[in-house]
PDB file of N, CA and C in Angstrom:
ATOM      1  N   UNK A   1    -202.771  69.408-126.729  1.00  0.00           N
ATOM      2  CA  UNK A   1    -201.436  69.961-126.818  1.00  0.00           C
ATOM      3  C   UNK A   1    -200.999  69.932-128.289  1.00  0.00           C
ATOM      4  N   UNK A   2    -200.409  71.016-128.727  1.00  0.00           N
ATOM      5  CA  UNK A   2    -199.901  71.128-130.087  1.00  0.00           C
ATOM      6  C   UNK A   2    -198.430  71.509-130.034  1.00  0.00           C
ATOM      7  N   UNK A   3    -197.648  70.924-130.940  1.00  0.00           N
ATOM      8  CA  UNK A   3    -196.225  71.250-131.025  1.00  0.00           C
ATOM      9  C   UNK A   3    -195.957  71.830-132.407  1.00  0.00           C
ATOM     10  N   UNK A   4    -195.157  72.887-132.457  1.00  0.00           N
ATOM     11  CA  UNK A   4    -194.818  73.525-133.727  1.00  0.00           C
ATOM     12  C   UNK A   4    -193.406  73.165-134.154  1.00  0.00           C
ATOM     13  N   UNK A   5    -193.258  72.966-135.450  1.00  0.00           N
ATOM     14  CA  UNK A   5    -191.953  72.688-136.029  1.00  0.00           C
ATOM     15  C   UNK A   5    -191.741  73.644-137.195  1.00  0.00           C
ATOM     16  N   UNK A   6    -190.714  74.499-137.081  1.00  0.00           N
ATOM     17  CA  UNK A   6    -190.355  75.385-138.184  1.00  0.00           C
ATOM     18  C   UNK A   6    -189.616  74.524-139.201  1.00  0.00           C
ATOM     19  N   UNK A   7    -190.138  74.484-140.419  1.00  0.00           N
ATOM     20  CA  UNK A   7    -189.579  73.618-141.453  1.00  0.00           C
ATOM     21  C   UNK A   7    -188.329  74.223-142.078  1.00  0.00           C
ATOM     22  N   UNK A   8    -187.345  73.380-142.293  1.00  0.00           N
ATOM     23  CA  UNK A   8    -186.114  73.784-142.982  1.00  0.00           C
ATOM     24  C   UNK A   8    -186.440  74.111-144.436  1.00  0.00           C
ATOM     25  N   UNK A   9    -187.350  73.317-145.010  1.00  0.00           N
ATOM     26  CA  UNK A   9    -187.778  73.502-146.395  1.00  0.00           C
ATOM     27  C   UNK A   9    -189.311  73.545-146.405  1.00  0.00           C
ATOM     28  N   UNK A  10    -189.909  74.643-146.875  1.00  0.00           N
ATOM     29  CA  UNK A  10    -191.373  74.728-146.898  1.00  0.00           C
ATOM     30  C   UNK A  10    -191.985  73.617-147.765  1.00  0.00           C
ATOM     31  N   UNK A  11    -193.212  73.251-147.421  1.00  0.00           N
ATOM     32  CA  UNK A  11    -193.955  72.266-148.212  1.00  0.00           C
ATOM     33  C   UNK A  11    -195.273  72.895-148.652  1.00  0.00           C
ATOM     34  N   UNK A  12    -195.932  72.278-149.607  1.00  0.00           N
ATOM     35  CA  UNK A  12    -197.229  72.751-150.057  1.00  0.00           C
ATOM     36  C   UNK A  12    -198.297  71.765-149.597  1.00  0.00           C
ATOM     37  N   UNK A  13    -199.313  72.307-148.930  1.00  0.00           N
ATOM     38  CA  UNK A  13    -200.444  71.496-148.476  1.00  0.00           C
ATOM     39  C   UNK A  13    -201.710  72.330-148.611  1.00  0.00           C
ATOM     40  N   UNK A  14    -202.747  71.728-149.152  1.00  0.00           N
ATOM     41  CA  UNK A  14    -204.031  72.416-149.335  1.00  0.00           C
ATOM     42  C   UNK A  14    -203.843  73.721-150.116  1.00  0.00           C
ATOM     43  N   UNK A  15    -202.999  73.668-151.139  1.00  0.00           N
ATOM     44  CA  UNK A  15    -202.699  74.816-152.005  1.00  0.00           C
ATOM     45  C   UNK A  15    -202.086  75.997-151.257  1.00  0.00           C
ATOM     46  N   UNK A  16    -201.427  75.729-150.138  1.00  0.00           N
ATOM     47  CA  UNK A  16    -200.735  76.766-149.379  1.00  0.00           C
ATOM     48  C   UNK A  16    -199.311  76.330-149.107  1.00  0.00           C
ATOM     49  N   UNK A  17    -198.396  77.292-149.082  1.00  0.00           N
ATOM     50  CA  UNK A  17    -197.008  76.998-148.727  1.00  0.00           C
ATOM     51  C   UNK A  17    -196.899  77.067-147.209  1.00  0.00           C
ATOM     52  N   UNK A  18    -196.433  75.991-146.614  1.00  0.00           N
ATOM     53  CA  UNK A  18    -196.288  75.929-145.160  1.00  0.00           C
ATOM     54  C   UNK A  18    -194.822  76.027-144.759  1.00  0.00           C
ATOM     55  N   UNK A  19    -194.546  76.930-143.823  1.00  0.00           N
ATOM     56  CA  UNK A  19    -193.204  77.094-143.266  1.00  0.00           C
ATOM     57  C   UNK A  19    -193.130  76.510-141.860  1.00  0.00           C
ATOM     58  N   UNK A  20    -194.300  76.267-141.268  1.00  0.00           N
ATOM     59  CA  UNK A  20    -194.401  75.721-139.918  1.00  0.00           C
ATOM     60  C   UNK A  20    -195.413  74.580-139.948  1.00  0.00           C
ATOM     61  N   UNK A  21    -195.068  73.499-139.297  1.00  0.00           N
ATOM     62  CA  UNK A  21    -195.954  72.351-139.186  1.00  0.00           C
ATOM     63  C   UNK A  21    -196.441  72.274-137.747  1.00  0.00           C
ATOM     64  N   UNK A  22    -197.741  72.188-137.565  1.00  0.00           N
ATOM     65  CA  UNK A  22    -198.311  72.045-136.233  1.00  0.00           C
ATOM     66  C   UNK A  22    -198.748  70.603-136.052  1.00  0.00           C
ATOM     67  N   UNK A  23    -198.188  69.948-135.062  1.00  0.00           N
ATOM     68  CA  UNK A  23    -198.534  68.555-134.767  1.00  0.00           C
ATOM     69  C   UNK A  23    -199.372  68.530-133.493  1.00  0.00           C
ATOM     70  N   UNK A  24    -200.565  67.966-133.593  1.00  0.00           N
ATOM     71  CA  UNK A  24    -201.424  67.839-132.420  1.00  0.00           C
ATOM     72  C   UNK A  24    -201.215  66.478-131.778  1.00  0.00           C
ATOM     73  N   UNK A  25    -201.654  66.347-130.562  1.00  0.00           N
ATOM     74  CA  UNK A  25    -201.526  65.097-129.829  1.00  0.00           C
ATOM     75  C   UNK A  25    -202.436  64.033-130.449  1.00  0.00           C
ATOM     76  N   UNK A  26    -201.978  62.791-130.561  1.00  0.00           N
ATOM     77  CA  UNK A  26    -202.823  61.741-131.143  1.00  0.00           C
ATOM     78  C   UNK A  26    -203.967  61.350-130.211  1.00  0.00           C
ATOM     79  N   UNK A  27    -205.058  60.904-130.818  1.00  0.00           N
ATOM     80  CA  UNK A  27    -206.212  60.441-130.049  1.00  0.00           C
ATOM     81  C   UNK A  27    -206.079  58.948-129.765  1.00  0.00           C
ATOM     82  N   UNK A  28    -206.916  58.454-128.878  1.00  0.00           N
ATOM     83  CA  UNK A  28    -206.928  57.024-128.566  1.00  0.00           C
ATOM     84  C   UNK A  28    -207.174  56.205-129.836  1.00  0.00           C
ATOM     85  N   UNK A  29    -208.158  56.621-130.650  1.00  0.00           N
ATOM     86  CA  UNK A  29    -208.480  55.890-131.874  1.00  0.00           C
ATOM     87  C   UNK A  29    -207.306  55.858-132.845  1.00  0.00           C
ATOM     88  N   UNK A  30    -206.567  56.955-132.942  1.00  0.00           N
ATOM     89  CA  UNK A  30    -205.400  56.990-133.825  1.00  0.00           C
ATOM     90  C   UNK A  30    -204.296  56.080-133.313  1.00  0.00           C
ATOM     91  N   UNK A  31    -204.085  56.073-132.008  1.00  0.00           N
ATOM     92  CA  UNK A  31    -203.064  55.183-131.439  1.00  0.00           C
ATOM     93  C   UNK A  31    -203.465  53.733-131.657  1.00  0.00           C
ATOM     94  N   UNK A  32    -204.760  53.440-131.488  1.00  0.00           N
ATOM     95  CA  UNK A  32    -205.246  52.074-131.713  1.00  0.00           C
ATOM     96  C   UNK A  32    -205.033  51.648-133.162  1.00  0.00           C
ATOM     97  N   UNK A  33    -205.277  52.567-134.100  1.00  0.00           N
ATOM     98  CA  UNK A  33    -205.160  52.248-135.523  1.00  0.00           C
ATOM     99  C   UNK A  33    -203.710  52.199-136.010  1.00  0.00           C
ATOM    100  N   UNK A  34    -202.866  53.119-135.525  1.00  0.00           N
ATOM    101  CA  UNK A  34    -201.499  53.251-136.040  1.00  0.00           C
ATOM    102  C   UNK A  34    -200.490  52.525-135.156  1.00  0.00           C
ATOM    103  N   UNK A  35    -200.677  52.581-133.854  1.00  0.00           N
ATOM    104  CA  UNK A  35    -199.757  51.927-132.930  1.00  0.00           C
ATOM    105  C   UNK A  35    -198.836  52.911-132.249  1.00  0.00           C
ATOM    106  N   UNK A  36    -197.955  52.375-131.425  1.00  0.00           N
ATOM    107  CA  UNK A  36    -196.975  53.193-130.719  1.00  0.00           C
ATOM    108  C   UNK A  36    -195.744  53.380-131.608  1.00  0.00           C
ATOM    109  N   UNK A  37    -195.188  54.607-131.644  1.00  0.00           N
ATOM    110  CA  UNK A  37    -194.043  54.889-132.522  1.00  0.00           C
ATOM    111  C   UNK A  37    -192.699  54.523-131.902  1.00  0.00           C
ATOM    112  N   UNK A  38    -192.685  53.521-131.035  1.00  0.00           N
ATOM    113  CA  UNK A  38    -191.439  53.119-130.398  1.00  0.00           C
ATOM    114  C   UNK A  38    -191.549  51.691-129.895  1.00  0.00           C
ATOM    115  N   UNK A  39    -190.393  51.121-129.598  1.00  0.00           N
ATOM    116  CA  UNK A  39    -190.324  49.834-128.922  1.00  0.00           C
ATOM    117  C   UNK A  39    -189.476  50.033-127.670  1.00  0.00           C
ATOM    118  N   UNK A  40    -189.668  49.154-126.708  1.00  0.00           N
ATOM    119  CA  UNK A  40    -188.903  49.223-125.468  1.00  0.00           C
ATOM    120  C   UNK A  40    -188.112  47.928-125.344  1.00  0.00           C
ATOM    121  N   UNK A  41    -186.807  48.067-125.165  1.00  0.00           N
ATOM    122  CA  UNK A  41    -185.936  46.894-125.039  1.00  0.00           C
ATOM    123  C   UNK A  41    -186.046  46.309-123.635  1.00  0.00           C
ATOM    124  N   UNK A  42    -185.442  45.160-123.439  1.00  0.00           N
ATOM    125  CA  UNK A  42    -185.443  44.499-122.146  1.00  0.00           C
ATOM    126  C   UNK A  42    -184.837  45.331-121.029  1.00  0.00           C
ATOM    127  N   UNK A  43    -183.894  46.203-121.395  1.00  0.00           N
ATOM    128  CA  UNK A  43    -183.262  47.047-120.367  1.00  0.00           C
ATOM    129  C   UNK A  43    -183.946  48.409-120.235  1.00  0.00           C
ATOM    130  N   UNK A  44    -185.094  48.580-120.908  1.00  0.00           N
ATOM    131  CA  UNK A  44    -185.871  49.806-120.783  1.00  0.00           C
ATOM    132  C   UNK A  44    -185.534  50.902-121.764  1.00  0.00           C
ATOM    133  N   UNK A  45    -184.610  50.649-122.677  1.00  0.00           N
ATOM    134  CA  UNK A  45    -184.251  51.669-123.677  1.00  0.00           C
ATOM    135  C   UNK A  45    -185.380  51.798-124.703  1.00  0.00           C
ATOM    136  N   UNK A  46    -185.663  53.048-125.081  1.00  0.00           N
ATOM    137  CA  UNK A  46    -186.713  53.323-126.066  1.00  0.00           C
ATOM    138  C   UNK A  46    -186.065  53.508-127.425  1.00  0.00           C
ATOM    139  N   UNK A  47    -186.615  52.817-128.435  1.00  0.00           N
ATOM    140  CA  UNK A  47    -186.121  52.923-129.803  1.00  0.00           C
ATOM    141  C   UNK A  47    -187.264  53.385-130.702  1.00  0.00           C
ATOM    142  N   UNK A  48    -187.019  54.446-131.454  1.00  0.00           N
ATOM    143  CA  UNK A  48    -188.014  54.979-132.378  1.00  0.00           C
ATOM    144  C   UNK A  48    -188.362  53.933-133.430  1.00  0.00           C
ATOM    145  N   UNK A  49    -189.645  53.740-133.681  1.00  0.00           N
ATOM    146  CA  UNK A  49    -190.109  52.889-134.782  1.00  0.00           C
ATOM    147  C   UNK A  49    -190.539  53.843-135.891  1.00  0.00           C
ATOM    148  N   UNK A  50    -189.627  54.128-136.799  1.00  0.00           N
ATOM    149  CA  UNK A  50    -189.877  55.150-137.818  1.00  0.00           C
ATOM    150  C   UNK A  50    -191.033  54.801-138.739  1.00  0.00           C
ATOM    151  N   UNK A  51    -191.256  53.513-139.004  1.00  0.00           N
ATOM    152  CA  UNK A  51    -192.363  53.148-139.898  1.00  0.00           C
ATOM    153  C   UNK A  51    -193.709  53.540-139.295  1.00  0.00           C
ATOM    154  N   UNK A  52    -193.813  53.503-137.985  1.00  0.00           N
ATOM    155  CA  UNK A  52    -195.044  53.926-137.312  1.00  0.00           C
ATOM    156  C   UNK A  52    -195.073  55.447-137.191  1.00  0.00           C
ATOM    157  N   UNK A  53    -193.971  56.049-136.763  1.00  0.00           N
ATOM    158  CA  UNK A  53    -193.912  57.502-136.570  1.00  0.00           C
ATOM    159  C   UNK A  53    -194.231  58.245-137.871  1.00  0.00           C
ATOM    160  N   UNK A  54    -193.750  57.737-138.996  1.00  0.00           N
ATOM    161  CA  UNK A  54    -194.004  58.389-140.282  1.00  0.00           C
ATOM    162  C   UNK A  54    -195.495  58.429-140.615  1.00  0.00           C
ATOM    163  N   UNK A  55    -196.234  57.423-140.198  1.00  0.00           N
ATOM    164  CA  UNK A  55    -197.679  57.389-140.471  1.00  0.00           C
ATOM    165  C   UNK A  55    -198.419  58.469-139.695  1.00  0.00           C
ATOM    166  N   UNK A  56    -197.856  58.884-138.563  1.00  0.00           N
ATOM    167  CA  UNK A  56    -198.492  59.921-137.752  1.00  0.00           C
ATOM    168  C   UNK A  56    -198.337  61.320-138.346  1.00  0.00           C
ATOM    169  N   UNK A  57    -197.283  61.590-139.107  1.00  0.00           N
ATOM    170  CA  UNK A  57    -197.017  62.958-139.583  1.00  0.00           C
ATOM    171  C   UNK A  57    -198.215  63.559-140.309  1.00  0.00           C
ATOM    172  N   UNK A  58    -198.727  62.959-141.395  1.00  0.00           N
ATOM    173  CA  UNK A  58    -199.858  63.597-142.066  1.00  0.00           C
ATOM    174  C   UNK A  58    -201.118  63.647-141.207  1.00  0.00           C
ATOM    175  N   UNK A  59    -201.323  62.636-140.379  1.00  0.00           N
ATOM    176  CA  UNK A  59    -202.517  62.585-139.537  1.00  0.00           C
ATOM    177  C   UNK A  59    -202.511  63.707-138.506  1.00  0.00           C
ATOM    178  N   UNK A  60    -201.412  63.849-137.768  1.00  0.00           N
ATOM    179  CA  UNK A  60    -201.343  64.834-136.695  1.00  0.00           C
ATOM    180  C   UNK A  60    -201.147  66.255-137.203  1.00  0.00           C
ATOM    181  N   UNK A  61    -200.569  66.393-138.389  1.00  0.00           N
ATOM    182  CA  UNK A  61    -200.369  67.726-138.969  1.00  0.00           C
ATOM    183  C   UNK A  61    -201.575  68.169-139.798  1.00  0.00           C
ATOM    184  N   UNK A  62    -202.482  67.238-140.096  1.00  0.00           N
ATOM    185  CA  UNK A  62    -203.664  67.585-140.893  1.00  0.00           C
ATOM    186  C   UNK A  62    -203.323  67.921-142.333  1.00  0.00           C
ATOM    187  N   UNK A  63    -202.329  67.216-142.869  1.00  0.00           N
ATOM    188  CA  UNK A  63    -201.911  67.451-144.256  1.00  0.00           C
ATOM    189  C   UNK A  63    -201.994  66.139-145.028  1.00  0.00           C
ATOM    190  N   UNK A  64    -202.101  66.210-146.361  1.00  0.00           N
ATOM    191  CA  UNK A  64    -202.095  64.978-147.153  1.00  0.00           C
ATOM    192  C   UNK A  64    -200.730  64.288-147.069  1.00  0.00           C
ATOM    193  N   UNK A  65    -200.738  62.988-147.274  1.00  0.00           N
ATOM    194  CA  UNK A  65    -199.492  62.224-147.269  1.00  0.00           C
ATOM    195  C   UNK A  65    -198.526  62.770-148.325  1.00  0.00           C
ATOM    196  N   UNK A  66    -199.072  63.192-149.478  1.00  0.00           N
ATOM    197  CA  UNK A  66    -198.228  63.725-150.549  1.00  0.00           C
ATOM    198  C   UNK A  66    -197.497  64.994-150.109  1.00  0.00           C
ATOM    199  N   UNK A  67    -198.082  65.757-149.211  1.00  0.00           N
ATOM    200  CA  UNK A  67    -197.413  66.947-148.672  1.00  0.00           C
ATOM    201  C   UNK A  67    -196.316  66.543-147.700  1.00  0.00           C
ATOM    202  N   UNK A  68    -196.596  65.549-146.866  1.00  0.00           N
ATOM    203  CA  UNK A  68    -195.581  65.053-145.933  1.00  0.00           C
ATOM    204  C   UNK A  68    -194.381  64.503-146.701  1.00  0.00           C
ATOM    205  N   UNK A  69    -194.627  63.916-147.867  1.00  0.00           N
ATOM    206  CA  UNK A  69    -193.551  63.348-148.681  1.00  0.00           C
ATOM    207  C   UNK A  69    -192.619  64.426-149.236  1.00  0.00           C
ATOM    208  N   UNK A  70    -193.027  65.693-149.207  1.00  0.00           N
ATOM    209  CA  UNK A  70    -192.186  66.795-149.686  1.00  0.00           C
ATOM    210  C   UNK A  70    -191.184  67.271-148.627  1.00  0.00           C
ATOM    211  N   UNK A  71    -191.341  66.790-147.415  1.00  0.00           N
ATOM    212  CA  UNK A  71    -190.527  67.304-146.304  1.00  0.00           C
ATOM    213  C   UNK A  71    -189.056  66.941-146.448  1.00  0.00           C
ATOM    214  N   UNK A  72    -188.205  67.858-145.992  1.00  0.00           N
ATOM    215  CA  UNK A  72    -186.763  67.596-145.955  1.00  0.00           C
ATOM    216  C   UNK A  72    -186.498  66.506-144.926  1.00  0.00           C
ATOM    217  N   UNK A  73    -185.440  65.748-145.131  1.00  0.00           N
ATOM    218  CA  UNK A  73    -185.114  64.632-144.225  1.00  0.00           C
ATOM    219  C   UNK A  73    -184.964  65.092-142.779  1.00  0.00           C
ATOM    220  N   UNK A  74    -184.330  66.222-142.568  1.00  0.00           N
ATOM    221  CA  UNK A  74    -184.173  66.740-141.215  1.00  0.00           C
ATOM    222  C   UNK A  74    -185.533  67.072-140.598  1.00  0.00           C
ATOM    223  N   UNK A  75    -186.439  67.636-141.379  1.00  0.00           N
ATOM    224  CA  UNK A  75    -187.781  67.948-140.897  1.00  0.00           C
ATOM    225  C   UNK A  75    -188.555  66.677-140.562  1.00  0.00           C
ATOM    226  N   UNK A  76    -188.365  65.635-141.356  1.00  0.00           N
ATOM    227  CA  UNK A  76    -189.008  64.350-141.081  1.00  0.00           C
ATOM    228  C   UNK A  76    -188.501  63.811-139.741  1.00  0.00           C
ATOM    229  N   UNK A  77    -187.194  63.844-139.556  1.00  0.00           N
ATOM    230  CA  UNK A  77    -186.606  63.358-138.309  1.00  0.00           C
ATOM    231  C   UNK A  77    -187.138  64.151-137.115  1.00  0.00           C
ATOM    232  N   UNK A  78    -187.131  65.480-137.213  1.00  0.00           N
ATOM    233  CA  UNK A  78    -187.594  66.314-136.105  1.00  0.00           C
ATOM    234  C   UNK A  78    -189.076  66.065-135.815  1.00  0.00           C
ATOM    235  N   UNK A  79    -189.873  65.862-136.854  1.00  0.00           N
ATOM    236  CA  UNK A  79    -191.293  65.559-136.670  1.00  0.00           C
ATOM    237  C   UNK A  79    -191.470  64.244-135.931  1.00  0.00           C
ATOM    238  N   UNK A  80    -190.703  63.250-136.324  1.00  0.00           N
ATOM    239  CA  UNK A  80    -190.779  61.944-135.670  1.00  0.00           C
ATOM    240  C   UNK A  80    -190.403  62.053-134.194  1.00  0.00           C
ATOM    241  N   UNK A  81    -189.403  62.851-133.879  1.00  0.00           N
ATOM    242  CA  UNK A  81    -188.991  63.021-132.489  1.00  0.00           C
ATOM    243  C   UNK A  81    -190.062  63.769-131.682  1.00  0.00           C
ATOM    244  N   UNK A  82    -190.726  64.732-132.314  1.00  0.00           N
ATOM    245  CA  UNK A  82    -191.810  65.430-131.623  1.00  0.00           C
ATOM    246  C   UNK A  82    -192.987  64.485-131.384  1.00  0.00           C
ATOM    247  N   UNK A  83    -193.271  63.635-132.349  1.00  0.00           N
ATOM    248  CA  UNK A  83    -194.337  62.652-132.186  1.00  0.00           C
ATOM    249  C   UNK A  83    -193.985  61.697-131.052  1.00  0.00           C
ATOM    250  N   UNK A  84    -192.755  61.230-131.025  1.00  0.00           N
ATOM    251  CA  UNK A  84    -192.307  60.350-129.951  1.00  0.00           C
ATOM    252  C   UNK A  84    -192.487  61.020-128.589  1.00  0.00           C
ATOM    253  N   UNK A  85    -192.241  62.319-128.518  1.00  0.00           N
ATOM    254  CA  UNK A  85    -192.346  63.028-127.236  1.00  0.00           C
ATOM    255  C   UNK A  85    -193.778  63.063-126.704  1.00  0.00           C
ATOM    256  N   UNK A  86    -194.791  62.937-127.580  1.00  0.00           N
ATOM    257  CA  UNK A  86    -196.173  62.852-127.105  1.00  0.00           C
ATOM    258  C   UNK A  86    -196.360  61.617-126.226  1.00  0.00           C
ATOM    259  N   UNK A  87    -195.578  60.589-126.477  1.00  0.00           N
ATOM    260  CA  UNK A  87    -195.723  59.316-125.778  1.00  0.00           C
ATOM    261  C   UNK A  87    -194.749  59.149-124.612  1.00  0.00           C
ATOM    262  N   UNK A  88    -193.657  59.890-124.627  1.00  0.00           N
ATOM    263  CA  UNK A  88    -192.604  59.642-123.639  1.00  0.00           C
ATOM    264  C   UNK A  88    -192.428  60.744-122.610  1.00  0.00           C
ATOM    265  N   UNK A  89    -192.928  61.925-122.853  1.00  0.00           N
ATOM    266  CA  UNK A  89    -192.777  63.018-121.892  1.00  0.00           C
ATOM    267  C   UNK A  89    -194.031  63.107-121.046  1.00  0.00           C
ATOM    268  N   UNK A  90    -193.851  63.085-119.728  1.00  0.00           N
ATOM    269  CA  UNK A  90    -195.017  63.205-118.860  1.00  0.00           C
ATOM    270  C   UNK A  90    -195.396  64.672-118.741  1.00  0.00           C
ATOM    271  N   UNK A  91    -196.697  64.909-118.645  1.00  0.00           N
ATOM    272  CA  UNK A  91    -197.180  66.263-118.438  1.00  0.00           C
ATOM    273  C   UNK A  91    -197.123  66.550-116.948  1.00  0.00           C
ATOM    274  N   UNK A  92    -197.331  67.798-116.581  1.00  0.00           N
ATOM    275  CA  UNK A  92    -197.319  68.168-115.169  1.00  0.00           C
ATOM    276  C   UNK A  92    -198.386  67.364-114.446  1.00  0.00           C
ATOM    277  N   UNK A  93    -197.968  66.684-113.394  1.00  0.00           N
ATOM    278  CA  UNK A  93    -198.909  65.853-112.655  1.00  0.00           C
ATOM    279  C   UNK A  93    -199.861  66.720-111.860  1.00  0.00           C
ATOM    280  N   UNK A  94    -201.120  66.303-111.822  1.00  0.00           N
ATOM    281  CA  UNK A  94    -202.134  66.999-111.039  1.00  0.00           C
ATOM    282  C   UNK A  94    -202.030  66.530-109.596  1.00  0.00           C
ATOM    283  N   UNK A  95    -202.118  67.454-108.671  1.00  0.00           N
ATOM    284  CA  UNK A  95    -202.134  67.074-107.262  1.00  0.00           C
ATOM    285  C   UNK A  95    -203.552  67.259-106.741  1.00  0.00           C
ATOM    286  N   UNK A  96    -203.885  66.536-105.686  1.00  0.00           N
ATOM    287  CA  UNK A  96    -205.231  66.632-105.135  1.00  0.00           C
ATOM    288  C   UNK A  96    -205.412  67.955-104.414  1.00  0.00           C
ATOM    289  N   UNK A  97    -206.666  68.273-104.132  1.00  0.00           N
ATOM    290  CA  UNK A  97    -206.983  69.517-103.444  1.00  0.00           C
ATOM    291  C   UNK A  97    -206.341  69.550-102.060  1.00  0.00           C
ATOM    292  N   UNK A  98    -206.140  70.755-101.546  1.00  0.00           N
ATOM    293  CA  UNK A  98    -205.517  70.924-100.242  1.00  0.00           C
ATOM    294  C   UNK A  98    -206.343  70.336 -99.104  1.00  0.00           C
ATOM    295  N   UNK A  99    -207.663  70.174 -99.305  1.00  0.00           N
ATOM    296  CA  UNK A  99    -208.499  69.673 -98.223  1.00  0.00           C
ATOM    297  C   UNK A  99    -208.565  68.147 -98.182  1.00  0.00           C
ATOM    298  N   UNK A 100    -207.664  67.487 -98.877  1.00  0.00           N
ATOM    299  CA  UNK A 100    -207.615  66.031 -98.870  1.00  0.00           C
ATOM    300  C   UNK A 100    -207.291  65.528 -97.474  1.00  0.00           C
ATOM    301  N   UNK A 101    -207.969  64.431 -97.074  1.00  0.00           N
ATOM    302  CA  UNK A 101    -207.718  63.870 -95.752  1.00  0.00           C
ATOM    303  C   UNK A 101    -206.661  62.785 -95.774  1.00  0.00           C
ATOM    304  N   UNK A 102    -206.181  62.434 -96.951  1.00  0.00           N
ATOM    305  CA  UNK A 102    -205.155  61.408 -97.073  1.00  0.00           C
ATOM    306  C   UNK A 102    -203.788  62.070 -97.112  1.00  0.00           C
ATOM    307  N   UNK A 103    -202.888  61.625 -96.254  1.00  0.00           N
ATOM    308  CA  UNK A 103    -201.563  62.228 -96.257  1.00  0.00           C
ATOM    309  C   UNK A 103    -200.758  61.690 -97.433  1.00  0.00           C
ATOM    310  N   UNK A 104    -199.891  62.518 -98.019  1.00  0.00           N
ATOM    311  CA  UNK A 104    -199.089  62.072 -99.155  1.00  0.00           C
ATOM    312  C   UNK A 104    -198.272  60.847 -98.795  1.00  0.00           C
ATOM    313  N   UNK A 105    -198.294  59.849 -99.663  1.00  0.00           N
ATOM    314  CA  UNK A 105    -197.498  58.662 -99.485  1.00  0.00           C
ATOM    315  C   UNK A 105    -198.089  57.650 -98.531  1.00  0.00           C
ATOM    316  N   UNK A 106    -199.271  57.923 -97.956  1.00  0.00           N
ATOM    317  CA  UNK A 106    -199.836  56.976 -97.002  1.00  0.00           C
ATOM    318  C   UNK A 106    -200.493  55.794 -97.693  1.00  0.00           C
ATOM    319  N   UNK A 107    -200.915  55.998 -98.953  1.00  0.00           N
ATOM    320  CA  UNK A 107    -201.549  54.896 -99.693  1.00  0.00           C
ATOM    321  C   UNK A 107    -202.993  54.685 -99.310  1.00  0.00           C
ATOM    322  N   UNK A 108    -203.543  55.518 -98.445  1.00  0.00           N
ATOM    323  CA  UNK A 108    -204.951  55.391 -98.026  1.00  0.00           C
ATOM    324  C   UNK A 108    -205.781  56.515 -98.565  1.00  0.00           C
TER     325      UNK A 108
END
């Protein structure tokens, strides 16, 4: 899954001016190395961990850190929120085939 972010202020990466940033979903190895970009409080509230989320921007966008550093503050915030959504939004759940012999909710 890839998410696009139209930048408020273009940045330069790989000798090209970028107006749109494409963020791909993180891999298991990247999550293991960088960590989760949020914390969960005792009451279940999710809080963005910006120090972790910021590390994901150049990795998931495939740009150098120096290019990510050119981003406008609003673009940084929006990127962090899109990264957070990779971890907090569930994808469409797969259902089993119609020929399943287990009735829904039976637990068998």
